[in-house]
Protein backbone atom coordinates (compact mmCIF):
# COMPACT_ATOMS: atom_id res chain seq x y z
CA MET A 1 0.00 0.00 0.00
CA SER A 2 1.34 3.45 -0.91
CA ASN A 3 2.13 5.94 1.79
CA SER A 4 -0.09 8.93 1.09
CA THR A 5 1.66 11.18 3.60
CA SER A 6 5.24 10.77 2.45
CA VAL A 7 7.20 13.88 1.71
CA GLY A 8 7.91 14.62 -1.95
CA PRO A 9 11.53 14.50 -2.99
CA VAL A 10 11.60 18.16 -4.03
CA ALA A 11 9.56 19.64 -1.21
CA ASP A 12 10.32 23.31 -0.62
CA THR A 13 11.43 23.71 2.99
CA THR A 14 13.01 27.16 2.63
CA ARG A 15 9.90 29.36 2.51
CA ARG A 16 6.99 29.89 4.83
CA ALA A 17 3.94 31.87 3.77
CA GLY A 18 2.81 34.77 5.91
CA ALA A 19 0.28 37.58 5.94
CA LEU A 20 1.47 39.10 2.64
CA GLN A 21 0.91 35.88 0.70
CA GLY A 22 -2.45 35.40 2.42
CA ILE A 23 -3.60 38.93 1.60
CA LEU A 24 -2.63 38.58 -2.06
CA LEU A 25 -4.43 35.24 -2.44
CA LEU A 26 -7.52 36.64 -0.70
CA ALA A 27 -7.42 39.65 -3.03
CA GLY A 28 -7.16 37.33 -6.03
CA SER A 29 -10.15 35.35 -4.74
CA CYS A 30 -12.23 38.53 -4.99
CA MET A 31 -11.89 38.70 -8.78
CA PRO A 32 -14.77 36.27 -9.50
CA VAL A 33 -16.94 38.31 -7.12
CA LEU A 34 -15.98 41.43 -9.07
CA GLY A 35 -17.16 39.70 -12.22
CA SER A 36 -20.49 38.77 -10.67
CA VAL A 37 -21.68 41.96 -9.00
CA LEU A 38 -19.81 45.04 -10.22
CA ILE A 39 -22.03 45.78 -13.20
CA THR A 40 -25.39 44.77 -11.72
CA PRO A 41 -26.26 48.43 -10.94
CA VAL A 42 -25.87 49.40 -14.63
CA LEU A 43 -27.95 46.54 -16.06
CA PRO A 44 -30.96 48.85 -16.57
CA GLN A 45 -28.71 51.20 -18.58
CA LEU A 46 -27.43 48.29 -20.65
CA SER A 47 -30.99 47.06 -21.25
CA ALA A 48 -32.03 50.50 -22.46
CA HIS A 49 -28.93 50.88 -24.66
CA PHE A 50 -29.40 47.52 -26.37
CA ALA A 51 -33.22 47.56 -26.42
CA ASP A 52 -33.24 47.38 -30.23
CA VAL A 53 -31.05 44.25 -30.31
CA ALA A 54 -33.02 41.06 -30.89
CA GLY A 55 -33.13 38.95 -27.72
CA SER A 56 -31.59 41.68 -25.56
CA GLU A 57 -33.98 40.91 -22.70
CA ILE A 58 -32.15 37.59 -22.34
CA LEU A 59 -28.69 38.56 -23.59
CA VAL A 60 -28.14 41.59 -21.33
CA PRO A 61 -28.62 39.66 -18.06
CA MET A 62 -26.21 37.07 -19.46
CA ILE A 63 -23.48 39.73 -19.23
CA VAL A 64 -23.60 39.11 -15.47
CA ALA A 65 -24.46 35.40 -15.51
CA ILE A 66 -22.16 34.00 -18.17
CA PRO A 67 -18.85 34.27 -16.24
CA ALA A 68 -20.23 31.90 -13.58
CA LEU A 69 -21.12 29.36 -16.27
CA MET A 70 -17.62 29.65 -17.74
CA ILE A 71 -16.10 29.07 -14.30
CA ALA A 72 -18.20 25.92 -13.97
CA ILE A 73 -17.06 24.69 -17.38
CA PHE A 74 -13.39 25.62 -17.30
CA ALA A 75 -12.35 25.25 -13.63
CA PRO A 76 -11.66 21.49 -14.05
CA PHE A 77 -9.35 22.27 -16.98
CA ALA A 78 -7.60 24.90 -14.88
CA GLY A 79 -7.15 22.24 -12.20
CA GLN A 80 -5.47 19.94 -14.73
CA ILE A 81 -3.04 22.71 -15.68
CA VAL A 82 -2.33 23.49 -12.03
CA ASP A 83 -1.33 19.90 -11.22
CA ARG A 84 0.65 19.31 -14.41
CA LEU A 85 2.29 22.64 -15.21
CA GLY A 86 2.28 24.58 -11.95
CA ARG A 87 0.41 27.22 -9.99
CA LYS A 88 2.08 30.63 -10.09
CA ASN A 89 2.50 31.21 -13.84
CA LEU A 90 -1.13 30.31 -14.53
CA LEU A 91 -2.29 32.71 -11.80
CA ILE A 92 -0.18 35.64 -12.99
CA GLY A 93 -1.17 35.07 -16.64
CA ALA A 94 -4.86 34.84 -15.74
CA MET A 95 -4.73 37.99 -13.60
CA ILE A 96 -3.16 40.02 -16.43
CA ALA A 97 -5.55 38.61 -19.05
CA TYR A 98 -8.44 39.33 -16.68
CA ALA A 99 -7.59 43.04 -16.74
CA LEU A 100 -7.52 43.07 -20.54
CA VAL A 101 -10.77 41.21 -21.22
CA GLY A 102 -12.53 42.65 -18.16
CA THR A 103 -12.02 46.25 -19.27
CA ALA A 104 -12.87 45.50 -22.92
CA PRO A 105 -16.57 46.51 -22.61
CA ALA A 106 -15.40 49.97 -21.53
CA TRP A 107 -14.63 50.63 -25.21
CA LEU A 108 -16.72 47.98 -27.00
CA GLU A 109 -20.13 48.96 -28.41
CA GLY A 110 -21.62 45.72 -29.77
CA LEU A 111 -23.55 43.34 -27.53
CA PRO A 112 -22.09 40.16 -29.14
CA GLU A 113 -18.54 41.48 -28.62
CA ILE A 114 -19.28 42.34 -24.99
CA LEU A 115 -20.74 38.88 -24.38
CA PHE A 116 -17.63 37.27 -25.89
CA SER A 117 -15.41 39.34 -23.59
CA ARG A 118 -17.50 38.10 -20.65
CA VAL A 119 -16.91 34.51 -21.74
CA LEU A 120 -13.17 35.22 -21.54
CA VAL A 121 -13.64 36.88 -18.15
CA GLY A 122 -15.19 33.64 -16.87
CA VAL A 123 -12.30 31.57 -18.25
CA CYS A 124 -9.82 33.82 -16.42
CA GLU A 125 -11.88 33.64 -13.24
CA ALA A 126 -11.87 29.85 -13.41
CA ALA A 127 -8.07 29.87 -13.37
CA ILE A 128 -7.79 32.60 -10.72
CA MET A 129 -10.20 31.00 -8.25
CA THR A 130 -8.76 27.51 -8.71
CA VAL A 131 -5.14 28.62 -8.24
CA CYS A 132 -5.82 30.99 -5.34
CA THR A 133 -7.68 28.32 -3.39
CA THR A 134 -5.06 25.68 -4.22
CA LEU A 135 -2.22 27.94 -3.07
CA ILE A 136 -4.02 28.80 0.18
CA VAL A 137 -4.03 25.09 1.04
CA ASP A 138 -0.46 24.67 -0.30
CA TYR A 139 0.97 27.55 1.68
CA PHE A 140 -1.11 27.19 4.86
CA PHE A 141 -1.24 23.42 5.16
CA GLU A 142 -1.24 23.48 8.98
CA GLU A 143 -4.87 23.02 10.01
CA ARG A 144 -5.18 26.14 12.17
CA ARG A 145 -3.70 28.54 9.60
CA ARG A 146 -5.49 26.85 6.70
CA ASN A 147 -8.89 27.16 8.39
CA LYS A 148 -8.14 30.79 9.24
CA TYR A 149 -7.50 31.73 5.62
CA LEU A 150 -10.34 29.65 4.19
CA GLY A 151 -12.66 31.43 6.63
CA LEU A 152 -11.18 34.78 5.67
CA GLN A 153 -11.76 33.92 2.01
CA THR A 154 -15.50 33.92 2.72
CA VAL A 155 -15.25 37.14 4.73
CA THR A 156 -13.20 38.93 2.08
CA THR A 157 -15.33 37.92 -0.88
CA THR A 158 -18.56 38.75 0.98
CA LEU A 159 -17.39 42.22 1.97
CA ALA A 160 -15.90 42.74 -1.49
CA ALA A 161 -19.27 41.98 -3.07
CA THR A 162 -20.86 44.79 -1.05
CA VAL A 163 -18.07 47.22 -1.92
CA PHE A 164 -18.17 46.34 -5.63
CA ILE A 165 -21.95 46.83 -5.83
CA ILE A 166 -21.62 50.29 -4.26
CA LEU A 167 -18.68 51.14 -6.51
CA GLY A 168 -20.49 49.95 -9.63
CA GLY A 169 -23.49 52.07 -8.75
CA ALA A 170 -21.35 55.15 -8.11
CA LEU A 171 -19.38 54.80 -11.33
CA GLY A 172 -22.51 53.99 -13.30
CA VAL A 173 -23.52 57.63 -12.97
CA GLY A 174 -20.90 58.29 -15.63
CA GLY A 175 -22.51 55.81 -18.03
CA TRP A 176 -22.57 52.02 -18.37
CA HIS A 177 -19.05 51.89 -19.87
CA THR A 178 -17.36 53.36 -16.79
CA PRO A 179 -17.60 50.53 -14.19
CA PHE A 180 -15.78 48.12 -16.50
CA TRP A 181 -12.52 50.03 -15.95
CA VAL A 182 -12.46 48.64 -12.38
CA TYR A 183 -11.36 45.28 -13.79
CA ALA A 184 -7.91 46.80 -14.27
CA ILE A 185 -7.42 46.40 -10.51
CA SER A 186 -6.26 42.84 -11.17
CA ILE A 187 -3.02 44.29 -12.58
CA VAL A 188 -2.47 46.10 -9.27
CA VAL A 189 -2.78 42.77 -7.45
CA ALA A 190 -0.79 40.77 -10.03
CA VAL A 191 2.36 42.89 -9.75
CA PRO A 192 3.13 42.09 -6.08
CA MET A 193 2.06 38.49 -6.74
CA ILE A 194 5.00 38.18 -9.17
CA PHE A 195 7.47 38.96 -6.38
CA ALA A 196 5.73 37.62 -3.26
CA LEU A 197 4.35 34.27 -4.43
CA TRP A 198 6.36 31.20 -5.42
CA GLU A 199 5.78 27.88 -7.08
CA PRO A 200 5.52 25.23 -4.34
CA ARG A 201 7.48 22.73 -6.52
CA GLY A 202 6.54 19.57 -4.71
CA GLY A 203 4.82 21.25 -1.80
CA ALA A 204 6.04 21.97 1.69
CA GLU A 205 7.46 19.50 4.15
CA GLY A 206 4.61 18.41 6.40
CA ASP A 207 2.03 18.66 3.61
CA ARG A 208 0.37 15.50 2.30
CA HIS A 209 2.02 13.84 -0.71
CA ALA A 210 1.68 10.83 -2.93
CA ALA A 211 4.33 8.14 -2.66
CA PRO A 212 7.27 8.46 -5.09
CA GLY A 213 6.34 6.97 -8.47
CA GLU A 214 2.63 6.70 -7.67
CA LYS A 215 0.28 7.69 -10.51
CA VAL A 216 -2.11 10.15 -8.93
CA ARG A 217 -5.66 10.16 -10.25
CA ILE A 218 -8.65 12.26 -9.25
CA PRO A 219 -10.09 10.56 -6.13
CA TRP A 220 -13.62 10.32 -7.47
CA ARG A 221 -14.78 7.83 -4.87
CA ARG A 222 -13.83 10.24 -2.11
CA ILE A 223 -15.09 13.49 -3.66
CA ALA A 224 -18.17 12.52 -5.69
CA ALA A 225 -20.70 12.93 -2.87
CA PRO A 226 -19.07 16.14 -1.56
CA LEU A 227 -19.18 17.62 -5.06
CA VAL A 228 -22.91 16.92 -5.39
CA ILE A 229 -23.51 18.52 -1.99
CA THR A 230 -21.33 21.47 -3.07
CA LEU A 231 -23.54 21.90 -6.16
CA PHE A 232 -26.58 22.32 -3.92
CA GLY A 233 -24.52 24.45 -1.55
CA GLY A 234 -23.62 26.87 -4.33
CA PHE A 235 -27.30 27.14 -5.24
CA ALA A 236 -28.45 27.68 -1.64
CA PHE A 237 -25.63 30.15 -0.97
CA TYR A 238 -26.76 32.47 -3.76
CA VAL A 239 -30.53 32.31 -3.30
CA LEU A 240 -30.74 35.17 -0.82
CA ILE A 241 -27.86 37.12 -2.35
CA ILE A 242 -29.88 37.35 -5.55
CA GLU A 243 -33.42 37.49 -4.16
CA VAL A 244 -33.29 39.44 -0.88
CA SER A 245 -34.07 42.79 -2.53
CA TYR A 246 -37.14 41.30 -4.24
CA LEU A 247 -38.24 39.77 -0.93
CA VAL A 248 -38.01 43.17 0.76
CA VAL A 249 -40.07 44.79 -2.00
CA GLY A 250 -42.57 41.95 -1.65
CA THR A 251 -43.28 43.05 1.93
CA GLY A 252 -44.60 46.39 0.69
CA VAL A 253 -41.40 48.44 0.66
CA ASP A 254 -41.26 50.76 -2.35
CA ALA A 255 -38.87 49.54 -5.05
CA GLU A 256 -37.37 53.04 -5.12
CA ASP A 257 -36.54 52.91 -1.40
CA THR A 258 -32.97 51.76 -1.93
CA ARG A 259 -32.07 52.80 1.62
CA VAL A 260 -34.16 50.05 3.21
CA ILE A 261 -33.34 47.51 0.51
CA GLY A 262 -29.62 48.25 0.78
CA LEU A 263 -29.71 48.11 4.58
CA VAL A 264 -31.29 44.64 4.62
CA SER A 265 -28.77 43.39 2.04
CA ALA A 266 -25.90 44.86 4.06
CA VAL A 267 -27.10 43.27 7.31
CA ALA A 268 -27.35 39.87 5.59
CA SER A 269 -23.84 40.29 4.14
CA LEU A 270 -22.52 41.24 7.58
CA ALA A 271 -24.00 38.02 9.03
CA THR A 272 -22.18 36.02 6.34
CA ALA A 273 -18.91 37.81 7.12
CA ILE A 274 -19.26 37.26 10.89
CA ALA A 275 -19.78 33.55 10.32
CA GLY A 276 -16.69 33.45 8.12
CA PHE A 277 -14.68 35.12 10.89
CA THR A 278 -15.85 32.56 13.43
CA PHE A 279 -15.23 29.55 11.17
CA SER A 280 -11.58 29.13 12.11
CA ARG A 281 -12.52 28.84 15.79
CA LEU A 282 -15.54 26.60 15.27
CA ALA A 283 -13.60 24.43 12.82
CA ARG A 284 -11.49 23.13 15.69
CA VAL A 285 -14.44 20.87 16.41
CA ARG A 286 -14.03 19.42 12.90
CA PRO A 287 -14.78 21.37 9.72
CA GLY A 288 -17.00 18.71 8.21
CA SER A 289 -19.19 18.60 11.29
CA LEU A 290 -20.19 22.23 10.67
CA LEU A 291 -21.82 21.38 7.34
CA PRO A 292 -25.10 20.00 8.73
CA LEU A 293 -25.28 23.03 11.05
CA ALA A 294 -24.68 25.41 8.12
CA PHE A 295 -27.41 23.83 6.00
CA ALA A 296 -29.74 23.71 9.01
CA LEU A 297 -29.29 27.45 9.64
CA GLN A 298 -30.00 28.15 5.99
CA ALA A 299 -33.12 26.01 6.26
CA VAL A 300 -34.38 27.79 9.39
CA GLY A 301 -33.76 31.24 7.89
CA MET A 302 -35.49 30.50 4.60
CA ILE A 303 -38.46 28.86 6.30
CA VAL A 304 -38.81 31.92 8.57
CA ILE A 305 -39.07 34.05 5.41
CA TRP A 306 -41.81 31.72 4.16
CA VAL A 307 -43.80 31.63 7.41
CA VAL A 308 -43.32 35.31 8.34
CA PRO A 309 -43.41 37.20 5.01
CA ALA A 310 -43.43 40.66 6.68
CA LEU A 311 -40.32 42.86 6.65
CA GLY A 312 -39.25 41.72 10.14
CA GLY A 313 -39.49 38.08 9.09
CA VAL A 314 -37.46 38.71 5.94
CA ILE A 315 -34.73 40.48 7.91
CA ALA A 316 -34.58 37.81 10.63
CA GLY A 317 -34.66 34.98 8.12
CA ALA A 318 -32.02 36.57 5.91
CA VAL A 319 -29.66 37.05 8.89
CA ILE A 320 -30.06 33.44 10.08
CA ALA A 321 -29.69 31.96 6.59
CA SER A 322 -26.74 34.22 5.76
CA PHE A 323 -24.93 33.19 8.93
CA GLY A 324 -25.39 29.61 7.78
CA SER A 325 -24.00 30.58 4.35
CA GLY A 326 -20.94 32.09 6.02
CA LEU A 327 -20.22 28.76 7.69
CA LEU A 328 -21.17 26.77 4.61
CA LEU A 329 -18.62 28.00 2.08
CA PRO A 330 -15.39 27.41 4.10
CA SER A 331 -16.81 24.18 5.52
CA LEU A 332 -17.48 22.78 2.05
CA LEU A 333 -14.10 23.88 0.80
CA THR A 334 -12.27 22.41 3.78
CA TRP A 335 -14.20 19.16 3.55
CA VAL A 336 -13.40 18.64 -0.12
CA VAL A 337 -10.01 20.29 -0.66
CA ALA A 338 -8.11 20.38 2.63
CA SER A 339 -7.61 16.62 2.81
CA THR A 340 -6.11 16.40 -0.68
CA ARG A 341 -2.53 15.52 -1.47
CA TYR A 342 -0.34 18.08 -3.20
CA GLU A 343 -0.27 16.15 -6.49
CA GLU A 344 -4.09 16.01 -6.84
CA ARG A 345 -5.04 19.28 -5.18
CA GLY A 346 -5.37 21.43 -8.30
CA ARG A 347 -7.75 19.04 -10.03
CA VAL A 348 -9.89 18.50 -6.93
CA THR A 349 -10.04 22.27 -6.34
CA GLY A 350 -11.02 22.78 -9.98
CA TRP A 351 -13.91 20.34 -9.72
CA TRP A 352 -15.04 21.88 -6.42
CA THR A 353 -14.98 25.35 -7.99
CA ALA A 354 -16.94 24.07 -10.99
CA SER A 355 -19.61 22.51 -8.75
CA PHE A 356 -20.02 25.61 -6.61
CA TYR A 357 -20.26 28.05 -9.52
CA LEU A 358 -22.60 25.81 -11.48
CA GLY A 359 -24.88 26.02 -8.44
CA GLN A 360 -24.55 29.80 -8.59
CA PHE A 361 -25.39 29.90 -12.30
CA VAL A 362 -28.57 27.83 -12.00
CA THR A 363 -29.87 29.73 -8.94
CA PRO A 364 -31.99 32.33 -10.78
CA ILE A 365 -33.23 29.67 -13.20
CA ILE A 366 -34.39 27.28 -10.46
CA VAL A 367 -35.89 30.04 -8.31
CA GLY A 368 -37.70 31.40 -11.36
CA VAL A 369 -39.21 27.98 -12.06
CA LEU A 370 -40.26 27.58 -8.42
CA VAL A 371 -41.90 31.00 -8.40
CA GLY A 372 -43.76 30.10 -11.57
CA ILE A 373 -45.06 26.91 -10.00
CA LEU A 374 -45.73 28.18 -6.46
CA GLY A 375 -46.84 31.71 -7.28
CA ALA A 376 -44.78 33.63 -4.70
CA LEU A 377 -41.09 34.23 -4.10
CA ASN A 378 -41.23 33.79 -0.32
CA ILE A 379 -42.85 30.37 -0.75
CA ALA A 380 -40.18 29.39 -3.28
CA VAL A 381 -37.47 30.43 -0.80
CA GLY A 382 -39.20 28.39 1.89
CA VAL A 383 -39.18 25.32 -0.35
CA VAL A 384 -35.44 25.81 -0.87
CA GLY A 385 -35.17 25.92 2.93
CA VAL A 386 -36.95 22.59 3.21
CA ALA A 387 -34.51 21.17 0.65
CA ALA A 388 -31.61 22.57 2.71
CA ALA A 389 -32.96 20.75 5.77
CA VAL A 390 -33.04 17.50 3.78
CA VAL A 391 -29.48 18.08 2.56
CA ALA A 392 -28.39 18.77 6.15
CA GLY A 393 -29.64 15.29 7.08
CA ILE A 394 -28.03 13.68 4.03
CA THR A 395 -24.73 15.42 4.79
CA MET A 396 -24.81 14.15 8.37
CA LEU A 397 -25.32 10.59 7.10
CA VAL A 398 -22.46 10.93 4.60
CA LEU A 399 -20.15 12.27 7.32
CA ARG A 400 -21.05 9.41 9.66
CA ALA A 401 -20.45 6.87 6.90
CA ARG A 402 -17.03 8.41 6.17
CA ALA A 403 -16.17 8.37 9.87
CA GLY A 404 -17.18 4.70 10.02
CA GLU A 405 -14.95 3.89 7.05
CA THR A 406 -12.02 5.66 8.73
CA VAL A 407 -12.49 3.70 11.95
CA ALA A 408 -12.78 0.43 10.02
CA ARG A 409 -9.40 1.08 8.41
């Protein structure tokens, strides 16, 4: 039997990652969030500008949605490149390309050209997210530090989403072209990455490795069930992010009252961030054991929104569910990726990223279908909550089965 914890023959023992490397990787992790939310405030302007284009009512929203689909499609390929050709060069190349294709709509005028640039944005994001997450686990392989930075990844991306929405709205005053220039920020992050990051080249001593000469394949038997649960997790994570403003309006708040709508969204985001901060402490129990709790909190929050459809119920439900979401993301990531060996980590991270972002992409589609069937958004959210409760139970059974297999060995 091969020794899965042996140290690779070229393990890098001369460098130890610190706060600078962590900050840069967290900043890189924000790029897919930038792609998702920055231009949402100017969508009405884009719709008006391209109103004469056939199919614009579908194509304009795709400007926001299509990068997530591209992440889901291309992240596994990025994982292959990471494991076979290395981490750092792919990350730097993707960050620079991201600036070029991300800012392209600032000077493009045609809707097809803009959509094509957004496809390329998603491809770059697939590489960036896969490599940043892989390097966090590579650099911070000790459990305490790894959990700290995986928790901070949730905090950083959640807070960044709020900042980017505000920034996009402020810049949108200058026209729909203007917010796209913000994508150039990836160059600002890429430059210090060139000097501060390094290629692990066999990983660090103390990390998990395959035995010398072992052919390392994707551990499908180990990750298949977690990937399916991650797919649902990505869907559940984004339900309230996308729908909370509509839920607030559904309670009778005027759609023009952006103060109240923004306040509720900000409070929900803050709950997600607080949960991300607390993850590293709670994870000492065992990261996987937090998954049923995370799904259960999502379930309770969404069911509260269903049962108490007034503004108070929406706020309370959104806070509870968002706290669960803040625990969910790092718990899923730790469960799937943290136990990987260096030689398989890029591919596993790529498949995890694909599963999570596919869940994000299908969220508005599934919620739209549920609303069409059930007749009300709050009921649809409640049904998603019931599904989250079921998944919480399934996850608990999977975790117990895995624990039983470990004891049997």
